[in-house]
């Protein structure tokens, strides 16, 4: 995070850079997955922007951050539609730092949502776009308050970003004056050993779901205790980790604190991008200087709200909605006041 007082940061929107993939989702919500050979009619169908990076960029902006989205796109109709929709969302052209590959297409993903049963079919691997270039974005990364990463473009890009903002010799955020907070959502799930100890120790936060955590640890057990997974990740040199498990909540370890958050019960309509809402809200709140417990609570509220709506990026909640959702949870009243006060005090761009 840039070197300035917390009071100064509270007076403006935190600068957040999100690096990850963008897709175009053809999403269908059905009462049940059809049997082989059967046709079923969707209860709802939408063409909506998706991809973990894009979802988190939209979510972070709706949570009040000044967001720059870094990704790769093609030169096809889907890529042009993506730009149009993000600009309609409020992103300025300068906040869309997108590498365009000639004759390439934006991946299209078919999403079938039947309650908790979510199935996806993606474009062929040959349609994959290259990772965005970092050389011209060094200053952007170094002056950010937070950088949100996924494994959309693989572990090498994560390492390359860390080499820019947290060089190996500096051994973590505390040794780098003014370095951004770096949060990695390790999805798609990595192979065992793909995230090396050199990468893990330079993160500020690692936020996997239960399956991704087990992949990182090489843990094939079915032990449902999330706190054990969070502690095990901490033992892998990760400074802080939060393991999410949908409606079962989450568990985090930060320093010597290990805490289980039971989450907020909701009637889930589409949990496709709930983890993206969680990660973005967590990153924004931590960048603003929220206490870890409060940041986790706000992130849990954002994830729960996302699950109540259909469509990936369309389901990302606004900050005022998160505050309203938490207002009915008596234990979160102080957090609600902080969310509302910070939102009201900033100039919206």
Foldseek 3Di string as FASTA:
>chain_A
DADDDLVVCLLAAFEEEFFWAKAWEFEFECQDDDDPPDDDHGPDTDTAIDTLRVLLQLLLVLLPHLYAYEWEAEPDPVRVVVVVVVVVSPDDPRSDNYHYDYPAHGKYKYWYHNFVDIDIDIDDPVRDDAGGDCPVCLVVQAQGQEYEYECNRHDVVLVVSCCSQPNLVQQEDVSHHRGHQYEYAHPPQDAACRQALSSQLHHQEYEYEPVSLCRPVVNPDPPPDQLVSQVVSVVSNHQKYKYQHPQCFIWIDHPNDTDTDRADDDRFRALPALVSSLVSQLRSCVSSPHDNVLSNNLSSLQSRQLRNDDDRSVSGHGLLVSLVSCCVVVVCPVSSCSSVVSNVSYDRD
